[in-house]
Structure formats: C-alpha cells, structure tokens
Amino acid sequence: VPLPQIEHVLTNAKSGIEKIDQAQLKPACLFVT
C-alpha cells in the first residue's frame, strides 16, 4: 500500500480523529440506542 495514499487518507480523517480524541477526554462515553 503506497504510503502517500495512506497519508492522504489520514489527512482527510484528521478532523474526525480529533473529535473522537476530544470525546475520549471524558471518563466514559455511552452510546444510547
């Protein structure tokens, strides 16, 4: 798998990853369904 393609995907996913990291600063998360 070419590293530049992976880097492109990781760049595009950065904001989503940051949102998850921010949510995980809380002691617990619960998905209510």
Full PDB file with SEQRES, HELIX, SHEET, SSBOND, CRYST1, ORIGX, SCALE, CONECT and MASTER records, all heavy atoms in Angstrom:
SEQRES   1 A   33  VAL PRO LEU PRO GLN ILE GLU HIS VAL LEU THR ASN ALA          
SEQRES   2 A   33  LYS SER GLY ILE GLU LYS ILE ASP GLN ALA GLN LEU LYS          
SEQRES   3 A   33  PRO ALA CYS LEU PHE VAL THR                                  
HELIX    1 AA1 LEU A    3  ALA A   23  1                                  21    
CRYST1    1.000    1.000    1.000  90.00  90.00  90.00 P 1           1          
ORIGX1      1.000000  0.000000  0.000000        0.00000                         
ORIGX2      0.000000  1.000000  0.000000        0.00000                         
ORIGX3      0.000000  0.000000  1.000000        0.00000                         
SCALE1      1.000000  0.000000  0.000000        0.00000                         
SCALE2      0.000000  1.000000  0.000000        0.00000                         
SCALE3      0.000000  0.000000  1.000000        0.00000                         
ATOM      1  N   VAL A   1       0.870  -1.178   0.000  1.00  0.00           N  
ATOM      2  CA  VAL A   1       0.000   0.000   0.000  1.00  0.00           C  
ATOM      3  C   VAL A   1       0.907   1.229   0.000  1.00  0.00           C  
ATOM      4  O   VAL A   1       1.712   1.402   0.924  1.00  0.00           O  
ATOM      5  CB  VAL A   1      -0.942   0.015   1.222  1.00  0.00           C  
ATOM      6  CG1 VAL A   1      -1.836   1.240   1.199  1.00  0.00           C  
ATOM      7  CG2 VAL A   1      -1.764  -1.260   1.279  1.00  0.00           C  
ATOM      8  N   PRO A   2       0.793   2.077  -1.016  1.00  0.00           N  
ATOM      9  CA  PRO A   2       1.673   3.249  -1.091  1.00  0.00           C  
ATOM     10  C   PRO A   2       1.463   4.205   0.090  1.00  0.00           C  
ATOM     11  O   PRO A   2       0.329   4.568   0.417  1.00  0.00           O  
ATOM     12  CB  PRO A   2       1.272   3.926  -2.403  1.00  0.00           C  
ATOM     13  CG  PRO A   2       0.570   2.868  -3.194  1.00  0.00           C  
ATOM     14  CD  PRO A   2      -0.078   1.971  -2.180  1.00  0.00           C  
ATOM     15  N   LEU A   3       2.545   4.584   0.731  1.00  0.00           N  
ATOM     16  CA  LEU A   3       2.495   5.474   1.882  1.00  0.00           C  
ATOM     17  C   LEU A   3       1.812   6.811   1.566  1.00  0.00           C  
ATOM     18  O   LEU A   3       1.040   7.304   2.400  1.00  0.00           O  
ATOM     19  CB  LEU A   3       3.912   5.687   2.428  1.00  0.00           C  
ATOM     20  CG  LEU A   3       4.039   6.075   3.886  1.00  0.00           C  
ATOM     21  CD1 LEU A   3       3.274   5.141   4.797  1.00  0.00           C  
ATOM     22  CD2 LEU A   3       5.493   6.124   4.288  1.00  0.00           C  
ATOM     23  N   PRO A   4       2.022   7.412   0.388  1.00  0.00           N  
ATOM     24  CA  PRO A   4       1.322   8.672   0.094  1.00  0.00           C  
ATOM     25  C   PRO A   4      -0.210   8.525   0.102  1.00  0.00           C  
ATOM     26  O   PRO A   4      -0.914   9.448   0.519  1.00  0.00           O  
ATOM     27  CB  PRO A   4       1.826   9.057  -1.298  1.00  0.00           C  
ATOM     28  CG  PRO A   4       3.166   8.411  -1.397  1.00  0.00           C  
ATOM     29  CD  PRO A   4       3.035   7.119  -0.646  1.00  0.00           C  
ATOM     30  N   GLN A   5      -0.711   7.380  -0.336  1.00  0.00           N  
ATOM     31  CA  GLN A   5      -2.164   7.174  -0.285  1.00  0.00           C  
ATOM     32  C   GLN A   5      -2.648   7.105   1.162  1.00  0.00           C  
ATOM     33  O   GLN A   5      -3.697   7.652   1.494  1.00  0.00           O  
ATOM     34  CB  GLN A   5      -2.549   5.898  -1.032  1.00  0.00           C  
ATOM     35  CG  GLN A   5      -2.453   6.010  -2.528  1.00  0.00           C  
ATOM     36  CD  GLN A   5      -2.897   4.715  -3.219  1.00  0.00           C  
ATOM     37  OE1 GLN A   5      -3.014   3.663  -2.610  1.00  0.00           O  
ATOM     38  NE2 GLN A   5      -3.120   4.825  -4.520  1.00  0.00           N  
ATOM     39  N   ILE A   6      -1.897   6.429   2.003  1.00  0.00           N  
ATOM     40  CA  ILE A   6      -2.260   6.348   3.415  1.00  0.00           C  
ATOM     41  C   ILE A   6      -2.208   7.735   4.047  1.00  0.00           C  
ATOM     42  O   ILE A   6      -3.121   8.126   4.786  1.00  0.00           O  
ATOM     43  CB  ILE A   6      -1.331   5.361   4.161  1.00  0.00           C  
ATOM     44  CG1 ILE A   6      -1.608   3.938   3.679  1.00  0.00           C  
ATOM     45  CG2 ILE A   6      -1.512   5.471   5.671  1.00  0.00           C  
ATOM     46  CD1 ILE A   6      -0.672   2.894   4.220  1.00  0.00           C  
ATOM     47  N   GLU A   7      -1.178   8.490   3.749  1.00  0.00           N  
ATOM     48  CA  GLU A   7      -1.053   9.848   4.293  1.00  0.00           C  
ATOM     49  C   GLU A   7      -2.211  10.730   3.853  1.00  0.00           C  
ATOM     50  O   GLU A   7      -2.720  11.535   4.636  1.00  0.00           O  
ATOM     51  CB  GLU A   7       0.289  10.453   3.894  1.00  0.00           C  
ATOM     52  CG  GLU A   7       1.447   9.786   4.607  1.00  0.00           C  
ATOM     53  CD  GLU A   7       2.813  10.173   4.066  1.00  0.00           C  
ATOM     54  OE1 GLU A   7       2.892  10.757   2.951  1.00  0.00           O  
ATOM     55  OE2 GLU A   7       3.810   9.873   4.753  1.00  0.00           O  
ATOM     56  N   HIS A   8      -2.654  10.564   2.608  1.00  0.00           N  
ATOM     57  CA  HIS A   8      -3.799  11.334   2.105  1.00  0.00           C  
ATOM     58  C   HIS A   8      -5.063  10.993   2.904  1.00  0.00           C  
ATOM     59  O   HIS A   8      -5.809  11.889   3.314  1.00  0.00           O  
ATOM     60  CB  HIS A   8      -3.998  11.045   0.612  1.00  0.00           C  
ATOM     61  CG  HIS A   8      -5.150  11.756   0.009  1.00  0.00           C  
ATOM     62  ND1 HIS A   8      -5.156  13.114  -0.234  1.00  0.00           N  
ATOM     63  CD2 HIS A   8      -6.376  11.302  -0.380  1.00  0.00           C  
ATOM     64  CE1 HIS A   8      -6.320  13.462  -0.744  1.00  0.00           C  
ATOM     65  NE2 HIS A   8      -7.079  12.386  -0.845  1.00  0.00           N  
ATOM     66  N   VAL A   9      -5.301   9.723   3.139  1.00  0.00           N  
ATOM     67  CA  VAL A   9      -6.469   9.297   3.908  1.00  0.00           C  
ATOM     68  C   VAL A   9      -6.381   9.806   5.343  1.00  0.00           C  
ATOM     69  O   VAL A   9      -7.360  10.307   5.900  1.00  0.00           O  
ATOM     70  CB  VAL A   9      -6.628   7.754   3.871  1.00  0.00           C  
ATOM     71  CG1 VAL A   9      -7.614   7.260   4.921  1.00  0.00           C  
ATOM     72  CG2 VAL A   9      -7.068   7.303   2.486  1.00  0.00           C  
ATOM     73  N   LEU A  10      -5.209   9.694   5.953  1.00  0.00           N  
ATOM     74  CA  LEU A  10      -5.047  10.155   7.331  1.00  0.00           C  
ATOM     75  C   LEU A  10      -5.255  11.660   7.446  1.00  0.00           C  
ATOM     76  O   LEU A  10      -5.846  12.140   8.424  1.00  0.00           O  
ATOM     77  CB  LEU A  10      -3.669   9.764   7.870  1.00  0.00           C  
ATOM     78  CG  LEU A  10      -3.415   8.263   8.035  1.00  0.00           C  
ATOM     79  CD1 LEU A  10      -2.005   7.999   8.558  1.00  0.00           C  
ATOM     80  CD2 LEU A  10      -4.457   7.615   8.912  1.00  0.00           C  
ATOM     81  N   THR A  11      -4.820  12.397   6.451  1.00  0.00           N  
ATOM     82  CA  THR A  11      -5.052  13.845   6.437  1.00  0.00           C  
ATOM     83  C   THR A  11      -6.547  14.144   6.358  1.00  0.00           C  
ATOM     84  O   THR A  11      -7.060  15.000   7.084  1.00  0.00           O  
ATOM     85  CB  THR A  11      -4.310  14.502   5.260  1.00  0.00           C  
ATOM     86  OG1 THR A  11      -2.910  14.278   5.418  1.00  0.00           O  
ATOM     87  CG2 THR A  11      -4.594  15.988   5.188  1.00  0.00           C  
ATOM     88  N   ASN A  12      -7.248  13.423   5.494  1.00  0.00           N  
ATOM     89  CA  ASN A  12      -8.690  13.642   5.353  1.00  0.00           C  
ATOM     90  C   ASN A  12      -9.478  13.209   6.591  1.00  0.00           C  
ATOM     91  O   ASN A  12     -10.560  13.730   6.852  1.00  0.00           O  
ATOM     92  CB  ASN A  12      -9.222  12.908   4.126  1.00  0.00           C  
ATOM     93  CG  ASN A  12      -8.782  13.557   2.834  1.00  0.00           C  
ATOM     94  OD1 ASN A  12      -8.441  14.731   2.794  1.00  0.00           O  
ATOM     95  ND2 ASN A  12      -8.756  12.783   1.766  1.00  0.00           N  
ATOM     96  N   ALA A  13      -8.941  12.274   7.341  1.00  0.00           N  
ATOM     97  CA  ALA A  13      -9.635  11.771   8.534  1.00  0.00           C  
ATOM     98  C   ALA A  13      -9.263  12.544   9.796  1.00  0.00           C  
ATOM     99  O   ALA A  13      -9.838  12.298  10.860  1.00  0.00           O  
ATOM    100  CB  ALA A  13      -9.310  10.295   8.725  1.00  0.00           C  
ATOM    101  N   LYS A  14      -8.355  13.468   9.689  1.00  0.00           N  
ATOM    102  CA  LYS A  14      -7.812  14.156  10.861  1.00  0.00           C  
ATOM    103  C   LYS A  14      -8.888  14.811  11.720  1.00  0.00           C  
ATOM    104  O   LYS A  14      -8.869  14.666  12.949  1.00  0.00           O  
ATOM    105  CB  LYS A  14      -6.771  15.195  10.432  1.00  0.00           C  
ATOM    106  CG  LYS A  14      -6.071  15.842  11.588  1.00  0.00           C  
ATOM    107  CD  LYS A  14      -4.988  16.794  11.124  1.00  0.00           C  
ATOM    108  CE  LYS A  14      -4.336  17.408  12.345  1.00  0.00           C  
ATOM    109  NZ  LYS A  14      -3.296  18.340  12.006  1.00  0.00           N  
ATOM    110  N   SER A  15      -9.827  15.504  11.137  1.00  0.00           N  
ATOM    111  CA  SER A  15     -10.837  16.194  11.948  1.00  0.00           C  
ATOM    112  C   SER A  15     -11.720  15.199  12.694  1.00  0.00           C  
ATOM    113  O   SER A  15     -12.089  15.432  13.848  1.00  0.00           O  
ATOM    114  CB  SER A  15     -11.684  17.142  11.094  1.00  0.00           C  
ATOM    115  OG  SER A  15     -12.470  16.411  10.177  1.00  0.00           O  
ATOM    116  N   GLY A  16     -12.044  14.090  12.080  1.00  0.00           N  
ATOM    117  CA  GLY A  16     -12.834  13.065  12.755  1.00  0.00           C  
ATOM    118  C   GLY A  16     -12.080  12.446  13.910  1.00  0.00           C  
ATOM    119  O   GLY A  16     -12.644  12.204  14.989  1.00  0.00           O  
ATOM    120  N   ILE A  17     -10.802  12.189  13.692  1.00  0.00           N  
ATOM    121  CA  ILE A  17      -9.962  11.626  14.755  1.00  0.00           C  
ATOM    122  C   ILE A  17      -9.881  12.599  15.926  1.00  0.00           C  
ATOM    123  O   ILE A  17      -9.970  12.199  17.091  1.00  0.00           O  
ATOM    124  CB  ILE A  17      -8.557  11.291  14.210  1.00  0.00           C  
ATOM    125  CG1 ILE A  17      -8.640  10.118  13.224  1.00  0.00           C  
ATOM    126  CG2 ILE A  17      -7.593  10.977  15.342  1.00  0.00           C  
ATOM    127  CD1 ILE A  17      -7.371   9.895  12.435  1.00  0.00           C  
ATOM    128  N   GLU A  18      -9.730  13.873  15.616  1.00  0.00           N  
ATOM    129  CA  GLU A  18      -9.658  14.881  16.676  1.00  0.00           C  
ATOM    130  C   GLU A  18     -10.949  14.931  17.492  1.00  0.00           C  
ATOM    131  O   GLU A  18     -10.912  15.095  18.709  1.00  0.00           O  
ATOM    132  CB  GLU A  18      -9.350  16.252  16.079  1.00  0.00           C  
ATOM    133  CG  GLU A  18      -7.921  16.367  15.575  1.00  0.00           C  
ATOM    134  CD  GLU A  18      -7.649  17.645  14.791  1.00  0.00           C  
ATOM    135  OE1 GLU A  18      -8.616  18.390  14.470  1.00  0.00           O  
ATOM    136  OE2 GLU A  18      -6.471  17.895  14.479  1.00  0.00           O  
ATOM    137  N   LYS A  19     -12.088  14.757  16.844  1.00  0.00           N  
ATOM    138  CA  LYS A  19     -13.368  14.751  17.560  1.00  0.00           C  
ATOM    139  C   LYS A  19     -13.470  13.549  18.489  1.00  0.00           C  
ATOM    140  O   LYS A  19     -13.951  13.661  19.620  1.00  0.00           O  
ATOM    141  CB  LYS A  19     -14.533  14.750  16.567  1.00  0.00           C  
ATOM    142  CG  LYS A  19     -14.709  16.062  15.848  1.00  0.00           C  
ATOM    143  CD  LYS A  19     -15.805  15.990  14.815  1.00  0.00           C  
ATOM    144  CE  LYS A  19     -15.854  17.283  14.021  1.00  0.00           C  
ATOM    145  NZ  LYS A  19     -16.842  17.227  12.933  1.00  0.00           N  
ATOM    146  N   ILE A  20     -13.006  12.401  18.033  1.00  0.00           N  
ATOM    147  CA  ILE A  20     -13.019  11.208  18.890  1.00  0.00           C  
ATOM    148  C   ILE A  20     -12.074  11.413  20.074  1.00  0.00           C  
ATOM    149  O   ILE A  20     -12.428  11.120  21.221  1.00  0.00           O  
ATOM    150  CB  ILE A  20     -12.637   9.950  18.093  1.00  0.00           C  
ATOM    151  CG1 ILE A  20     -13.730   9.632  17.087  1.00  0.00           C  
ATOM    152  CG2 ILE A  20     -12.407   8.758  19.032  1.00  0.00           C  
ATOM    153  CD1 ILE A  20     -13.355   8.582  16.079  1.00  0.00           C  
ATOM    154  N   ASP A  21     -10.885  11.938  19.807  1.00  0.00           N  
ATOM    155  CA  ASP A  21      -9.932  12.184  20.886  1.00  0.00           C  
ATOM    156  C   ASP A  21     -10.513  13.160  21.911  1.00  0.00           C  
ATOM    157  O   ASP A  21     -10.332  12.977  23.114  1.00  0.00           O  
ATOM    158  CB  ASP A  21      -8.612  12.719  20.337  1.00  0.00           C  
ATOM    159  CG  ASP A  21      -7.816  11.660  19.583  1.00  0.00           C  
ATOM    160  OD1 ASP A  21      -8.123  10.453  19.721  1.00  0.00           O  
ATOM    161  OD2 ASP A  21      -6.890  12.046  18.843  1.00  0.00           O  
ATOM    162  N   GLN A  22     -11.224  14.167  21.438  1.00  0.00           N  
ATOM    163  CA  GLN A  22     -11.848  15.141  22.341  1.00  0.00           C  
ATOM    164  C   GLN A  22     -12.925  14.457  23.190  1.00  0.00           C  
ATOM    165  O   GLN A  22     -12.989  14.665  24.401  1.00  0.00           O  
ATOM    166  CB  GLN A  22     -12.472  16.291  21.532  1.00  0.00           C  
ATOM    167  CG  GLN A  22     -13.067  17.389  22.369  1.00  0.00           C  
ATOM    168  CD  GLN A  22     -12.011  18.183  23.122  1.00  0.00           C  
ATOM    169  OE1 GLN A  22     -10.884  18.345  22.653  1.00  0.00           O  
ATOM    170  NE2 GLN A  22     -12.352  18.663  24.284  1.00  0.00           N  
ATOM    171  N   ALA A  23     -13.740  13.628  22.574  1.00  0.00           N  
ATOM    172  CA  ALA A  23     -14.789  12.913  23.315  1.00  0.00           C  
ATOM    173  C   ALA A  23     -14.179  11.968  24.344  1.00  0.00           C  
ATOM    174  O   ALA A  23     -14.725  11.791  25.437  1.00  0.00           O  
ATOM    175  CB  ALA A  23     -15.684  12.140  22.349  1.00  0.00           C  
ATOM    176  N   GLN A  24     -13.046  11.376  24.012  1.00  0.00           N  
ATOM    177  CA  GLN A  24     -12.430  10.411  24.917  1.00  0.00           C  
ATOM    178  C   GLN A  24     -11.689  11.060  26.079  1.00  0.00           C  
ATOM    179  O   GLN A  24     -11.173  10.354  26.952  1.00  0.00           O  
ATOM    180  CB  GLN A  24     -11.507   9.472  24.133  1.00  0.00           C  
ATOM    181  CG  GLN A  24     -12.280   8.503  23.270  1.00  0.00           C  
ATOM    182  CD  GLN A  24     -11.404   7.504  22.544  1.00  0.00           C  
ATOM    183  OE1 GLN A  24     -10.178   7.629  22.494  1.00  0.00           O  
ATOM    184  NE2 GLN A  24     -12.038   6.494  21.980  1.00  0.00           N  
ATOM    185  N   LEU A  25     -11.684  12.382  26.136  1.00  0.00           N  
ATOM    186  CA  LEU A  25     -11.152  13.058  27.317  1.00  0.00           C  
ATOM    187  C   LEU A  25     -12.092  12.876  28.506  1.00  0.00           C  
ATOM    188  O   LEU A  25     -11.685  13.010  29.652  1.00  0.00           O  
ATOM    189  CB  LEU A  25     -10.930  14.544  27.037  1.00  0.00           C  
ATOM    190  CG  LEU A  25      -9.807  14.867  26.051  1.00  0.00           C  
ATOM    191  CD1 LEU A  25      -9.769  16.364  25.765  1.00  0.00           C  
ATOM    192  CD2 LEU A  25      -8.465  14.368  26.543  1.00  0.00           C  
ATOM    193  N   LYS A  26     -13.355  12.578  28.220  1.00  0.00           N  
ATOM    194  CA  LYS A  26     -14.320  12.308  29.285  1.00  0.00           C  
ATOM    195  C   LYS A  26     -14.021  10.929  29.856  1.00  0.00           C  
ATOM    196  O   LYS A  26     -13.531  10.041  29.158  1.00  0.00           O  
ATOM    197  CB  LYS A  26     -15.738  12.361  28.724  1.00  0.00           C  
ATOM    198  CG  LYS A  26     -16.115  13.725  28.197  1.00  0.00           C  
ATOM    199  CD  LYS A  26     -17.499  13.734  27.629  1.00  0.00           C  
ATOM    200  CE  LYS A  26     -17.789  15.122  27.088  1.00  0.00           C  
ATOM    201  NZ  LYS A  26     -19.152  15.255  26.618  1.00  0.00           N  
ATOM    202  N   PRO A  27     -14.353  10.718  31.128  1.00  0.00           N  
ATOM    203  CA  PRO A  27     -14.046   9.412  31.737  1.00  0.00           C  
ATOM    204  C   PRO A  27     -14.796   8.246  31.115  1.00  0.00           C  
ATOM    205  O   PRO A  27     -14.304   7.121  31.132  1.00  0.00           O  
ATOM    206  CB  PRO A  27     -14.432   9.586  33.204  1.00  0.00           C  
ATOM    207  CG  PRO A  27     -15.113  10.894  33.328  1.00  0.00           C  
ATOM    208  CD  PRO A  27     -14.912  11.658  32.068  1.00  0.00           C  
ATOM    209  N   ALA A  28     -15.969   8.495  30.560  1.00  0.00           N  
ATOM    210  CA  ALA A  28     -16.740   7.408  29.943  1.00  0.00           C  
ATOM    211  C   ALA A  28     -17.641   7.973  28.864  1.00  0.00           C  
ATOM    212  O   ALA A  28     -18.095   9.108  28.949  1.00  0.00           O  
ATOM    213  CB  ALA A  28     -17.572   6.683  30.985  1.00  0.00           C  
ATOM    214  N   CYS A  29     -17.886   7.166  27.853  1.00  0.00           N  
ATOM    215  CA  CYS A  29     -18.821   7.519  26.794  1.00  0.00           C  
ATOM    216  C   CYS A  29     -19.864   6.412  26.739  1.00  0.00           C  
ATOM    217  O   CYS A  29     -19.551   5.247  26.969  1.00  0.00           O  
ATOM    218  CB  CYS A  29     -18.125   7.612  25.442  1.00  0.00           C  
ATOM    219  SG  CYS A  29     -16.913   8.935  25.332  1.00  0.00           S  
ATOM    220  N   LEU A  30     -21.092   6.785  26.440  1.00  0.00           N  
ATOM    221  CA  LEU A  30     -22.163   5.800  26.341  1.00  0.00           C  
ATOM    222  C   LEU A  30     -22.946   6.072  25.071  1.00  0.00           C  
ATOM    223  O   LEU A  30     -23.352   7.198  24.814  1.00  0.00           O  
ATOM    224  CB  LEU A  30     -23.092   5.868  27.552  1.00  0.00           C  
ATOM    225  CG  LEU A  30     -24.271   4.915  27.547  1.00  0.00           C  
ATOM    226  CD1 LEU A  30     -23.796   3.471  27.641  1.00  0.00           C  
ATOM    227  CD2 LEU A  30     -25.216   5.228  28.686  1.00  0.00           C  
ATOM    228  N   PHE A  31     -23.149   5.036  24.281  1.00  0.00           N  
ATOM    229  CA  PHE A  31     -23.936   5.149  23.065  1.00  0.00           C  
ATOM    230  C   PHE A  31     -25.351   4.688  23.396  1.00  0.00           C  
ATOM    231  O   PHE A  31     -25.563   3.510  23.695  1.00  0.00           O  
ATOM    232  CB  PHE A  31     -23.332   4.296  21.952  1.00  0.00           C  
ATOM    233  CG  PHE A  31     -21.987   4.777  21.509  1.00  0.00           C  
ATOM    234  CD1 PHE A  31     -20.824   4.254  22.060  1.00  0.00           C  
ATOM    235  CD2 PHE A  31     -21.873   5.778  20.564  1.00  0.00           C  
ATOM    236  CE1 PHE A  31     -19.574   4.699  21.667  1.00  0.00           C  
ATOM    237  CE2 PHE A  31     -20.630   6.240  20.155  1.00  0.00           C  
ATOM    238  CZ  PHE A  31     -19.484   5.696  20.707  1.00  0.00           C  
ATOM    239  N   VAL A  32     -26.278   5.613  23.375  1.00  0.00           N  
ATOM    240  CA  VAL A  32     -27.655   5.293  23.719  1.00  0.00           C  
ATOM    241  C   VAL A  32     -28.398   4.926  22.439  1.00  0.00           C  
ATOM    242  O   VAL A  32     -28.414   5.697  21.477  1.00  0.00           O  
ATOM    243  CB  VAL A  32     -28.343   6.481  24.422  1.00  0.00           C  
ATOM    244  CG1 VAL A  32     -29.784   6.146  24.753  1.00  0.00           C  
ATOM    245  CG2 VAL A  32     -27.576   6.859  25.672  1.00  0.00           C  
ATOM    246  N   THR A  33     -28.962   3.740  22.436  1.00  0.00           N  
ATOM    247  CA  THR A  33     -29.719   3.277  21.271  1.00  0.00           C  
ATOM    248  C   THR A  33     -31.063   2.750  21.750  1.00  0.00           C  
ATOM    249  O   THR A  33     -31.283   2.567  22.950  1.00  0.00           O  
ATOM    250  CB  THR A  33     -28.983   2.143  20.541  1.00  0.00           C  
ATOM    251  OG1 THR A  33     -28.829   1.044  21.431  1.00  0.00           O  
ATOM    252  CG2 THR A  33     -27.619   2.601  20.049  1.00  0.00           C  
TER     253      THR A  33                                                      
MASTER        0    0    0    1    0    0    0    6  252    1    0    3          
END                                                                             
